[in-house]
Amino acid sequence: MVGAAVQGYGGGAVSEEENIRLVREIGEVKAELSGLKAEVAGTNQRLDDIVITQLKDHGKRLAMQDIRISSLEQAENRRAGGISALAAIATVAGSVGALLMKVFG
């Protein structure tokens, strides 16, 4: 049935040339759609890479902050321990002073 007209969607006759043209256009649209899908997939991959990199960087910064906080807590504990030792020495010195005042005073 070469060269015969085919009835189109609107009821009118569609020539074989028109069918060939439509098939080509559909092929072009499919090729363009395929290209867009690949482009979107590439963009998604780049976004994933960016997000992963950012999360790793934030994780490193948080780890450094944890180390700094831990160091500050240790320094505070040492300082508090030193103050406690000084307070104990002052108490002993006060007691010795009071004892000496009773003995010599």
PDB file of N, CA and C in Angstrom:
ATOM      1  N   MET A   1       0.827  -1.177   0.000  1.00  0.00           N
ATOM      2  CA  MET A   1       0.000   0.000   0.000  1.00  0.00           C
ATOM      3  C   MET A   1       0.876   1.247   0.000  1.00  0.00           C
ATOM      4  N   VAL A   2       1.890   1.288  -0.802  1.00  0.00           N
ATOM      5  CA  VAL A   2       2.805   2.399  -0.909  1.00  0.00           C
ATOM      6  C   VAL A   2       2.091   3.574  -1.546  1.00  0.00           C
ATOM      7  N   GLY A   3       2.300   4.765  -0.945  1.00  0.00           N
ATOM      8  CA  GLY A   3       1.721   5.961  -1.520  1.00  0.00           C
ATOM      9  C   GLY A   3       0.268   6.162  -1.168  1.00  0.00           C
ATOM     10  N   ALA A   4      -0.322   5.243  -0.436  1.00  0.00           N
ATOM     11  CA  ALA A   4      -1.734   5.369  -0.072  1.00  0.00           C
ATOM     12  C   ALA A   4      -1.889   6.354   1.071  1.00  0.00           C
ATOM     13  N   ALA A   5      -2.988   7.001   1.126  1.00  0.00           N
ATOM     14  CA  ALA A   5      -3.271   7.957   2.199  1.00  0.00           C
ATOM     15  C   ALA A   5      -3.838   7.194   3.392  1.00  0.00           C
ATOM     16  N   VAL A   6      -3.471   7.647   4.571  1.00  0.00           N
ATOM     17  CA  VAL A   6      -3.949   7.047   5.816  1.00  0.00           C
ATOM     18  C   VAL A   6      -4.811   8.092   6.494  1.00  0.00           C
ATOM     19  N   GLN A   7      -5.876   7.626   7.124  1.00  0.00           N
ATOM     20  CA  GLN A   7      -6.766   8.567   7.793  1.00  0.00           C
ATOM     21  C   GLN A   7      -6.097   9.062   9.069  1.00  0.00           C
ATOM     22  N   GLY A   8      -6.068  10.384   9.285  1.00  0.00           N
ATOM     23  CA  GLY A   8      -5.435  10.996  10.446  1.00  0.00           C
ATOM     24  C   GLY A   8      -6.384  11.051  11.631  1.00  0.00           C
ATOM     25  N   TYR A   9      -5.889  11.624  12.709  1.00  0.00           N
ATOM     26  CA  TYR A   9      -6.687  11.727  13.936  1.00  0.00           C
ATOM     27  C   TYR A   9      -7.929  12.596  13.752  1.00  0.00           C
ATOM     28  N   GLY A  10      -7.794  13.645  12.994  1.00  0.00           N
ATOM     29  CA  GLY A  10      -8.931  14.539  12.786  1.00  0.00           C
ATOM     30  C   GLY A  10      -9.895  14.044  11.724  1.00  0.00           C
ATOM     31  N   GLY A  11      -9.662  12.888  11.198  1.00  0.00           N
ATOM     32  CA  GLY A  11     -10.547  12.342  10.188  1.00  0.00           C
ATOM     33  C   GLY A  11     -10.080  12.607   8.780  1.00  0.00           C
ATOM     34  N   GLY A  12      -9.139  13.536   8.594  1.00  0.00           N
ATOM     35  CA  GLY A  12      -8.637  13.856   7.262  1.00  0.00           C
ATOM     36  C   GLY A  12      -7.560  12.866   6.836  1.00  0.00           C
ATOM     37  N   ALA A  13      -7.286  12.814   5.574  1.00  0.00           N
ATOM     38  CA  ALA A  13      -6.275  11.907   5.051  1.00  0.00           C
ATOM     39  C   ALA A  13      -4.880  12.473   5.298  1.00  0.00           C
ATOM     40  N   VAL A  14      -3.953  11.598   5.690  1.00  0.00           N
ATOM     41  CA  VAL A  14      -2.565  11.982   5.930  1.00  0.00           C
ATOM     42  C   VAL A  14      -1.716  11.240   4.905  1.00  0.00           C
ATOM     43  N   SER A  15      -0.898  11.975   4.196  1.00  0.00           N
ATOM     44  CA  SER A  15      -0.087  11.359   3.153  1.00  0.00           C
ATOM     45  C   SER A  15       1.083  10.597   3.777  1.00  0.00           C
ATOM     46  N   GLU A  16       1.683   9.749   2.972  1.00  0.00           N
ATOM     47  CA  GLU A  16       2.829   8.966   3.425  1.00  0.00           C
ATOM     48  C   GLU A  16       3.999   9.887   3.773  1.00  0.00           C
ATOM     49  N   GLU A  17       4.155  10.948   2.996  1.00  0.00           N
ATOM     50  CA  GLU A  17       5.226  11.911   3.289  1.00  0.00           C
ATOM     51  C   GLU A  17       5.013  12.569   4.649  1.00  0.00           C
ATOM     52  N   GLU A  18       3.752  12.881   4.932  1.00  0.00           N
ATOM     53  CA  GLU A  18       3.423  13.496   6.225  1.00  0.00           C
ATOM     54  C   GLU A  18       3.712  12.509   7.361  1.00  0.00           C
ATOM     55  N   ASN A  19       3.392  11.243   7.152  1.00  0.00           N
ATOM     56  CA  ASN A  19       3.686  10.217   8.157  1.00  0.00           C
ATOM     57  C   ASN A  19       5.189  10.109   8.397  1.00  0.00           C
ATOM     58  N   ILE A  20       5.968  10.126   7.332  1.00  0.00           N
ATOM     59  CA  ILE A  20       7.422  10.039   7.446  1.00  0.00           C
ATOM     60  C   ILE A  20       7.959  11.254   8.207  1.00  0.00           C
ATOM     61  N   ARG A  21       7.432  12.421   7.862  1.00  0.00           N
ATOM     62  CA  ARG A  21       7.850  13.641   8.552  1.00  0.00           C
ATOM     63  C   ARG A  21       7.514  13.566  10.050  1.00  0.00           C
ATOM     64  N   LEU A  22       6.319  13.089  10.371  1.00  0.00           N
ATOM     65  CA  LEU A  22       5.908  12.967  11.774  1.00  0.00           C
ATOM     66  C   LEU A  22       6.787  11.967  12.531  1.00  0.00           C
ATOM     67  N   VAL A  23       7.104  10.852  11.872  1.00  0.00           N
ATOM     68  CA  VAL A  23       7.970   9.845  12.496  1.00  0.00           C
ATOM     69  C   VAL A  23       9.350  10.448  12.762  1.00  0.00           C
ATOM     70  N   ARG A  24       9.874  11.236  11.814  1.00  0.00           N
ATOM     71  CA  ARG A  24      11.174  11.890  12.007  1.00  0.00           C
ATOM     72  C   ARG A  24      11.115  12.880  13.176  1.00  0.00           C
ATOM     73  N   GLU A  25      10.038  13.667  13.209  1.00  0.00           N
ATOM     74  CA  GLU A  25       9.884  14.635  14.305  1.00  0.00           C
ATOM     75  C   GLU A  25       9.803  13.926  15.651  1.00  0.00           C
ATOM     76  N   ILE A  26       9.064  12.829  15.678  1.00  0.00           N
ATOM     77  CA  ILE A  26       8.967  12.051  16.922  1.00  0.00           C
ATOM     78  C   ILE A  26      10.347  11.535  17.314  1.00  0.00           C
ATOM     79  N   GLY A  27      11.120  11.065  16.330  1.00  0.00           N
ATOM     80  CA  GLY A  27      12.489  10.610  16.609  1.00  0.00           C
ATOM     81  C   GLY A  27      13.353  11.729  17.154  1.00  0.00           C
ATOM     82  N   GLU A  28      13.221  12.937  16.578  1.00  0.00           N
ATOM     83  CA  GLU A  28      13.989  14.082  17.061  1.00  0.00           C
ATOM     84  C   GLU A  28      13.592  14.457  18.491  1.00  0.00           C
ATOM     85  N   VAL A  29      12.291  14.418  18.743  1.00  0.00           N
ATOM     86  CA  VAL A  29      11.808  14.737  20.095  1.00  0.00           C
ATOM     87  C   VAL A  29      12.334  13.707  21.096  1.00  0.00           C
ATOM     88  N   LYS A  30      12.303  12.436  20.704  1.00  0.00           N
ATOM     89  CA  LYS A  30      12.820  11.384  21.584  1.00  0.00           C
ATOM     90  C   LYS A  30      14.315  11.578  21.839  1.00  0.00           C
ATOM     91  N   ALA A  31      15.060  11.934  20.802  1.00  0.00           N
ATOM     92  CA  ALA A  31      16.504  12.155  20.959  1.00  0.00           C
ATOM     93  C   ALA A  31      16.755  13.341  21.880  1.00  0.00           C
ATOM     94  N   GLU A  32      15.986  14.408  21.690  1.00  0.00           N
ATOM     95  CA  GLU A  32      16.143  15.585  22.555  1.00  0.00           C
ATOM     96  C   GLU A  32      15.773  15.247  23.998  1.00  0.00           C
ATOM     97  N   LEU A  33      14.705  14.481  24.176  1.00  0.00           N
ATOM     98  CA  LEU A  33      14.292  14.060  25.512  1.00  0.00           C
ATOM     99  C   LEU A  33      15.369  13.205  26.165  1.00  0.00           C
ATOM    100  N   SER A  34      15.960  12.323  25.399  1.00  0.00           N
ATOM    101  CA  SER A  34      17.042  11.487  25.916  1.00  0.00           C
ATOM    102  C   SER A  34      18.220  12.347  26.359  1.00  0.00           C
ATOM    103  N   GLY A  35      18.558  13.355  25.548  1.00  0.00           N
ATOM    104  CA  GLY A  35      19.641  14.269  25.900  1.00  0.00           C
ATOM    105  C   GLY A  35      19.328  15.044  27.175  1.00  0.00           C
ATOM    106  N   LEU A  36      18.085  15.490  27.298  1.00  0.00           N
ATOM    107  CA  LEU A  36      17.679  16.227  28.509  1.00  0.00           C
ATOM    108  C   LEU A  36      17.744  15.330  29.747  1.00  0.00           C
ATOM    109  N   LYS A  37      17.330  14.081  29.586  1.00  0.00           N
ATOM    110  CA  LYS A  37      17.407  13.134  30.703  1.00  0.00           C
ATOM    111  C   LYS A  37      18.855  12.952  31.147  1.00  0.00           C
ATOM    112  N   ALA A  38      19.761  12.829  30.186  1.00  0.00           N
ATOM    113  CA  ALA A  38      21.182  12.673  30.518  1.00  0.00           C
ATOM    114  C   ALA A  38      21.708  13.933  31.204  1.00  0.00           C
ATOM    115  N   GLU A  39      21.270  15.081  30.726  1.00  0.00           N
ATOM    116  CA  GLU A  39      21.700  16.350  31.311  1.00  0.00           C
ATOM    117  C   GLU A  39      21.198  16.472  32.753  1.00  0.00           C
ATOM    118  N   VAL A  40      19.945  16.106  32.985  1.00  0.00           N
ATOM    119  CA  VAL A  40      19.379  16.146  34.339  1.00  0.00           C
ATOM    120  C   VAL A  40      20.119  15.164  35.253  1.00  0.00           C
ATOM    121  N   ALA A  41      20.417  13.983  34.737  1.00  0.00           N
ATOM    122  CA  ALA A  41      21.153  12.995  35.541  1.00  0.00           C
ATOM    123  C   ALA A  41      22.530  13.534  35.916  1.00  0.00           C
ATOM    124  N   GLY A  42      23.199  14.181  34.956  1.00  0.00           N
ATOM    125  CA  GLY A  42      24.510  14.778  35.240  1.00  0.00           C
ATOM    126  C   GLY A  42      24.408  15.883  36.273  1.00  0.00           C
ATOM    127  N   THR A  43      23.374  16.710  36.154  1.00  0.00           N
ATOM    128  CA  THR A  43      23.167  17.786  37.130  1.00  0.00           C
ATOM    129  C   THR A  43      22.897  17.208  38.512  1.00  0.00           C
ATOM    130  N   ASN A  44      22.074  16.177  38.575  1.00  0.00           N
ATOM    131  CA  ASN A  44      21.793  15.535  39.865  1.00  0.00           C
ATOM    132  C   ASN A  44      23.071  14.974  40.483  1.00  0.00           C
ATOM    133  N   GLN A  45      23.916  14.369  39.659  1.00  0.00           N
ATOM    134  CA  GLN A  45      25.173  13.814  40.172  1.00  0.00           C
ATOM    135  C   GLN A  45      26.065  14.919  40.719  1.00  0.00           C
ATOM    136  N   ARG A  46      26.146  16.035  39.983  1.00  0.00           N
ATOM    137  CA  ARG A  46      26.970  17.152  40.457  1.00  0.00           C
ATOM    138  C   ARG A  46      26.420  17.709  41.768  1.00  0.00           C
ATOM    139  N   LEU A  47      25.098  17.820  41.864  1.00  0.00           N
ATOM    140  CA  LEU A  47      24.490  18.305  43.106  1.00  0.00           C
ATOM    141  C   LEU A  47      24.781  17.336  44.264  1.00  0.00           C
ATOM    142  N   ASP A  48      24.674  16.045  43.984  1.00  0.00           N
ATOM    143  CA  ASP A  48      24.999  15.050  45.018  1.00  0.00           C
ATOM    144  C   ASP A  48      26.442  15.209  45.477  1.00  0.00           C
ATOM    145  N   ASP A  49      27.350  15.381  44.527  1.00  0.00           N
ATOM    146  CA  ASP A  49      28.765  15.555  44.869  1.00  0.00           C
ATOM    147  C   ASP A  49      28.974  16.803  45.718  1.00  0.00           C
ATOM    148  N   ILE A  50      28.294  17.882  45.350  1.00  0.00           N
ATOM    149  CA  ILE A  50      28.423  19.134  46.103  1.00  0.00           C
ATOM    150  C   ILE A  50      27.901  18.950  47.522  1.00  0.00           C
ATOM    151  N   VAL A  51      26.737  18.333  47.663  1.00  0.00           N
ATOM    152  CA  VAL A  51      26.144  18.137  48.987  1.00  0.00           C
ATOM    153  C   VAL A  51      27.045  17.250  49.844  1.00  0.00           C
ATOM    154  N   ILE A  52      27.555  16.179  49.265  1.00  0.00           N
ATOM    155  CA  ILE A  52      28.430  15.274  50.016  1.00  0.00           C
ATOM    156  C   ILE A  52      29.691  16.014  50.466  1.00  0.00           C
ATOM    157  N   THR A  53      30.278  16.803  49.569  1.00  0.00           N
ATOM    158  CA  THR A  53      31.477  17.569  49.915  1.00  0.00           C
ATOM    159  C   THR A  53      31.180  18.550  51.042  1.00  0.00           C
ATOM    160  N   GLN A  54      30.050  19.236  50.948  1.00  0.00           N
ATOM    161  CA  GLN A  54      29.677  20.204  51.989  1.00  0.00           C
ATOM    162  C   GLN A  54      29.463  19.495  53.327  1.00  0.00           C
ATOM    163  N   LEU A  55      28.811  18.352  53.305  1.00  0.00           N
ATOM    164  CA  LEU A  55      28.579  17.613  54.548  1.00  0.00           C
ATOM    165  C   LEU A  55      29.898  17.150  55.172  1.00  0.00           C
ATOM    166  N   LYS A  56      30.820  16.695  54.340  1.00  0.00           N
ATOM    167  CA  LYS A  56      32.132  16.287  54.851  1.00  0.00           C
ATOM    168  C   LYS A  56      32.850  17.478  55.474  1.00  0.00           C
ATOM    169  N   ASP A  57      32.806  18.639  54.794  1.00  0.00           N
ATOM    170  CA  ASP A  57      33.457  19.837  55.322  1.00  0.00           C
ATOM    171  C   ASP A  57      32.833  20.260  56.653  1.00  0.00           C
ATOM    172  N   HIS A  58      31.505  20.224  56.721  1.00  0.00           N
ATOM    173  CA  HIS A  58      30.837  20.581  57.979  1.00  0.00           C
ATOM    174  C   HIS A  58      31.195  19.588  59.083  1.00  0.00           C
ATOM    175  N   GLY A  59      31.272  18.321  58.710  1.00  0.00           N
ATOM    176  CA  GLY A  59      31.647  17.299  59.692  1.00  0.00           C
ATOM    177  C   GLY A  59      33.041  17.556  60.255  1.00  0.00           C
ATOM    178  N   LYS A  60      33.970  17.941  59.364  1.00  0.00           N
ATOM    179  CA  LYS A  60      35.334  18.247  59.820  1.00  0.00           C
ATOM    180  C   LYS A  60      35.331  19.454  60.749  1.00  0.00           C
ATOM    181  N   ARG A  61      34.548  20.486  60.377  1.00  0.00           N
ATOM    182  CA  ARG A  61      34.488  21.678  61.232  1.00  0.00           C
ATOM    183  C   ARG A  61      33.884  21.342  62.593  1.00  0.00           C
ATOM    184  N   LEU A  62      32.850  20.513  62.594  1.00  0.00           N
ATOM    185  CA  LEU A  62      32.237  20.117  63.866  1.00  0.00           C
ATOM    186  C   LEU A  62      33.213  19.313  64.721  1.00  0.00           C
ATOM    187  N   ALA A  63      33.979  18.439  64.085  1.00  0.00           N
ATOM    188  CA  ALA A  63      34.971  17.657  64.829  1.00  0.00           C
ATOM    189  C   ALA A  63      36.014  18.579  65.453  1.00  0.00           C
ATOM    190  N   MET A  64      36.457  19.599  64.692  1.00  0.00           N
ATOM    191  CA  MET A  64      37.432  20.555  65.236  1.00  0.00           C
ATOM    192  C   MET A  64      36.828  21.336  66.398  1.00  0.00           C
ATOM    193  N   GLN A  65      35.558  21.706  66.287  1.00  0.00           N
ATOM    194  CA  GLN A  65      34.893  22.419  67.381  1.00  0.00           C
ATOM    195  C   GLN A  65      34.797  21.519  68.617  1.00  0.00           C
ATOM    196  N   ASP A  66      34.495  20.249  68.416  1.00  0.00           N
ATOM    197  CA  ASP A  66      34.431  19.308  69.540  1.00  0.00           C
ATOM    198  C   ASP A  66      35.780  19.213  70.237  1.00  0.00           C
ATOM    199  N   ILE A  67      36.864  19.180  69.453  1.00  0.00           N
ATOM    200  CA  ILE A  67      38.207  19.119  70.037  1.00  0.00           C
ATOM    201  C   ILE A  67      38.482  20.385  70.844  1.00  0.00           C
ATOM    202  N   ARG A  68      38.134  21.533  70.278  1.00  0.00           N
ATOM    203  CA  ARG A  68      38.358  22.804  70.991  1.00  0.00           C
ATOM    204  C   ARG A  68      37.542  22.860  72.276  1.00  0.00           C
ATOM    205  N   ILE A  69      36.287  22.420  72.216  1.00  0.00           N
ATOM    206  CA  ILE A  69      35.431  22.418  73.405  1.00  0.00           C
ATOM    207  C   ILE A  69      36.006  21.495  74.459  1.00  0.00           C
ATOM    208  N   SER A  70      36.461  20.333  74.041  1.00  0.00           N
ATOM    209  CA  SER A  70      37.052  19.377  74.970  1.00  0.00           C
ATOM    210  C   SER A  70      38.305  19.967  75.636  1.00  0.00           C
ATOM    211  N   SER A  71      39.150  20.632  74.844  1.00  0.00           N
ATOM    212  CA  SER A  71      40.360  21.259  75.382  1.00  0.00           C
ATOM    213  C   SER A  71      40.004  22.350  76.381  1.00  0.00           C
ATOM    214  N   LEU A  72      39.009  23.152  76.048  1.00  0.00           N
ATOM    215  CA  LEU A  72      38.583  24.213  76.976  1.00  0.00           C
ATOM    216  C   LEU A  72      38.007  23.632  78.268  1.00  0.00           C
ATOM    217  N   GLU A  73      37.246  22.548  78.148  1.00  0.00           N
ATOM    218  CA  GLU A  73      36.705  21.898  79.342  1.00  0.00           C
ATOM    219  C   GLU A  73      37.822  21.351  80.218  1.00  0.00           C
ATOM    220  N   GLN A  74      38.838  20.748  79.602  1.00  0.00           N
ATOM    221  CA  GLN A  74      39.967  20.225  80.372  1.00  0.00           C
ATOM    222  C   GLN A  74      40.710  21.360  81.064  1.00  0.00           C
ATOM    223  N   ALA A  75      40.919  22.466  80.361  1.00  0.00           N
ATOM    224  CA  ALA A  75      41.605  23.613  80.965  1.00  0.00           C
ATOM    225  C   ALA A  75      40.788  24.169  82.122  1.00  0.00           C
ATOM    226  N   GLU A  76      39.488  24.233  81.968  1.00  0.00           N
ATOM    227  CA  GLU A  76      38.611  24.721  83.048  1.00  0.00           C
ATOM    228  C   GLU A  76      38.677  23.779  84.250  1.00  0.00           C
ATOM    229  N   ASN A  77      38.694  22.488  83.984  1.00  0.00           N
ATOM    230  CA  ASN A  77      38.782  21.516  85.085  1.00  0.00           C
ATOM    231  C   ASN A  77      40.116  21.651  85.821  1.00  0.00           C
ATOM    232  N   ARG A  78      41.203  21.860  85.066  1.00  0.00           N
ATOM    233  CA  ARG A  78      42.509  22.053  85.716  1.00  0.00           C
ATOM    234  C   ARG A  78      42.515  23.332  86.549  1.00  0.00           C
ATOM    235  N   ARG A  79      41.914  24.385  85.991  1.00  0.00           N
ATOM    236  CA  ARG A  79      41.843  25.660  86.712  1.00  0.00           C
ATOM    237  C   ARG A  79      41.004  25.495  87.980  1.00  0.00           C
ATOM    238  N   ALA A  80      39.878  24.819  87.849  1.00  0.00           N
ATOM    239  CA  ALA A  80      39.022  24.604  89.022  1.00  0.00           C
ATOM    240  C   ALA A  80      39.754  23.755  90.056  1.00  0.00           C
ATOM    241  N   GLY A  81      40.522  22.770  89.586  1.00  0.00           N
ATOM    242  CA  GLY A  81      41.306  21.943  90.518  1.00  0.00           C
ATOM    243  C   GLY A  81      42.377  22.768  91.211  1.00  0.00           C
ATOM    244  N   GLY A  82      43.012  23.675  90.479  1.00  0.00           N
ATOM    245  CA  GLY A  82      44.028  24.553  91.068  1.00  0.00           C
ATOM    246  C   GLY A  82      43.414  25.480  92.102  1.00  0.00           C
ATOM    247  N   ILE A  83      42.233  26.003  91.800  1.00  0.00           N
ATOM    248  CA  ILE A  83      41.560  26.885  92.766  1.00  0.00           C
ATOM    249  C   ILE A  83      41.184  26.101  94.015  1.00  0.00           C
ATOM    250  N   SER A  84      40.727  24.871  93.850  1.00  0.00           N
ATOM    251  CA  SER A  84      40.388  24.032  95.005  1.00  0.00           C
ATOM    252  C   SER A  84      41.623  23.770  95.858  1.00  0.00           C
ATOM    253  N   ALA A  85      42.755  23.507  95.188  1.00  0.00           N
ATOM    254  CA  ALA A  85      44.001  23.273  95.932  1.00  0.00           C
ATOM    255  C   ALA A  85      44.408  24.535  96.679  1.00  0.00           C
ATOM    256  N   LEU A  86      44.293  25.690  96.043  1.00  0.00           N
ATOM    257  CA  LEU A  86      44.621  26.951  96.721  1.00  0.00           C
ATOM    258  C   LEU A  86      43.689  27.201  97.906  1.00  0.00           C
ATOM    259  N   ALA A  87      42.420  26.875  97.721  1.00  0.00           N
ATOM    260  CA  ALA A  87      41.470  27.053  98.824  1.00  0.00           C
ATOM    261  C   ALA A  87      41.827  26.130  99.985  1.00  0.00           C
ATOM    262  N   ALA A  88      42.224  24.919  99.682  1.00  0.00           N
ATOM    263  CA  ALA A  88      42.619  23.980 100.736  1.00  0.00           C
ATOM    264  C   ALA A  88      43.863  24.482 101.453  1.00  0.00           C
ATOM    265  N   ILE A  89      44.839  24.994 100.697  1.00  0.00           N
ATOM    266  CA  ILE A  89      46.063  25.538 101.295  1.00  0.00           C
ATOM    267  C   ILE A  89      45.733  26.734 102.171  1.00  0.00           C
ATOM    268  N   ALA A  90      44.822  27.602 101.681  1.00  0.00           N
ATOM    269  CA  ALA A  90      44.430  28.777 102.466  1.00  0.00           C
ATOM    270  C   ALA A  90      43.742  28.353 103.751  1.00  0.00           C
ATOM    271  N   THR A  91      42.933  27.327 103.681  1.00  0.00           N
ATOM    272  CA  THR A  91      42.248  26.836 104.886  1.00  0.00           C
ATOM    273  C   THR A  91      43.258  26.299 105.883  1.00  0.00           C
ATOM    274  N   VAL A  92      44.202  25.513 105.379  1.00  0.00           N
ATOM    275  CA  VAL A  92      45.242  24.967 106.265  1.00  0.00           C
ATOM    276  C   VAL A  92      46.071  26.103 106.863  1.00  0.00           C
ATOM    277  N   ALA A  93      46.431  27.069 106.022  1.00  0.00           N
ATOM    278  CA  ALA A  93      47.220  28.204 106.507  1.00  0.00           C
ATOM    279  C   ALA A  93      46.445  28.976 107.570  1.00  0.00           C
ATOM    280  N   GLY A  94      45.169  29.154 107.354  1.00  0.00           N
ATOM    281  CA  GLY A  94      44.337  29.836 108.341  1.00  0.00           C
ATOM    282  C   GLY A  94      44.275  29.066 109.646  1.00  0.00           C
ATOM    283  N   SER A  95      44.153  27.770 109.545  1.00  0.00           N
ATOM    284  CA  SER A  95      44.104  26.932 110.750  1.00  0.00           C
ATOM    285  C   SER A  95      45.437  26.975 111.487  1.00  0.00           C
ATOM    286  N   VAL A  96      46.540  26.898 110.729  1.00  0.00           N
ATOM    287  CA  VAL A  96      47.869  26.974 111.335  1.00  0.00           C
ATOM    288  C   VAL A  96      48.052  28.339 111.977  1.00  0.00           C
ATOM    289  N   GLY A  97      47.617  29.386 111.302  1.00  0.00           N
ATOM    290  CA  GLY A  97      47.715  30.734 111.870  1.00  0.00           C
ATOM    291  C   GLY A  97      46.925  30.850 113.148  1.00  0.00           C
ATOM    292  N   ALA A  98      45.717  30.302 113.168  1.00  0.00           N
ATOM    293  CA  ALA A  98      44.897  30.348 114.386  1.00  0.00           C
ATOM    294  C   ALA A  98      45.553  29.552 115.491  1.00  0.00           C
ATOM    295  N   LEU A  99      46.134  28.411 115.157  1.00  0.00           N
ATOM    296  CA  LEU A  99      46.803  27.591 116.163  1.00  0.00           C
ATOM    297  C   LEU A  99      48.018  28.323 116.734  1.00  0.00           C
ATOM    298  N   LEU A 100      48.788  28.960 115.820  1.00  0.00           N
ATOM    299  CA  LEU A 100      49.968  29.706 116.275  1.00  0.00           C
ATOM    300  C   LEU A 100      49.553  30.890 117.155  1.00  0.00           C
ATOM    301  N   MET A 101      48.448  31.516 116.828  1.00  0.00           N
ATOM    302  CA  MET A 101      47.968  32.639 117.662  1.00  0.00           C
ATOM    303  C   MET A 101      47.592  32.153 119.045  1.00  0.00           C
ATOM    304  N   LYS A 102      47.025  30.948 119.157  1.00  0.00           N
ATOM    305  CA  LYS A 102      46.657  30.397 120.455  1.00  0.00           C
ATOM    306  C   LYS A 102      47.914  30.032 121.236  1.00  0.00           C
ATOM    307  N   VAL A 103      48.875  29.466 120.519  1.00  0.00           N
ATOM    308  CA  VAL A 103      50.082  29.029 121.190  1.00  0.00           C
ATOM    309  C   VAL A 103      50.945  30.232 121.605  1.00  0.00           C
ATOM    310  N   PHE A 104      51.138  31.163 120.693  1.00  0.00           N
ATOM    311  CA  PHE A 104      52.048  32.284 120.966  1.00  0.00           C
ATOM    312  C   PHE A 104      51.317  33.547 121.370  1.00  0.00           C
ATOM    313  N   GLY A 105      50.055  33.564 121.218  1.00  0.00           N
ATOM    314  CA  GLY A 105      49.368  34.821 121.411  1.00  0.00           C
ATOM    315  C   GLY A 105      48.738  35.009 122.697  1.00  0.00           C
TER     316      GLY A 105
END
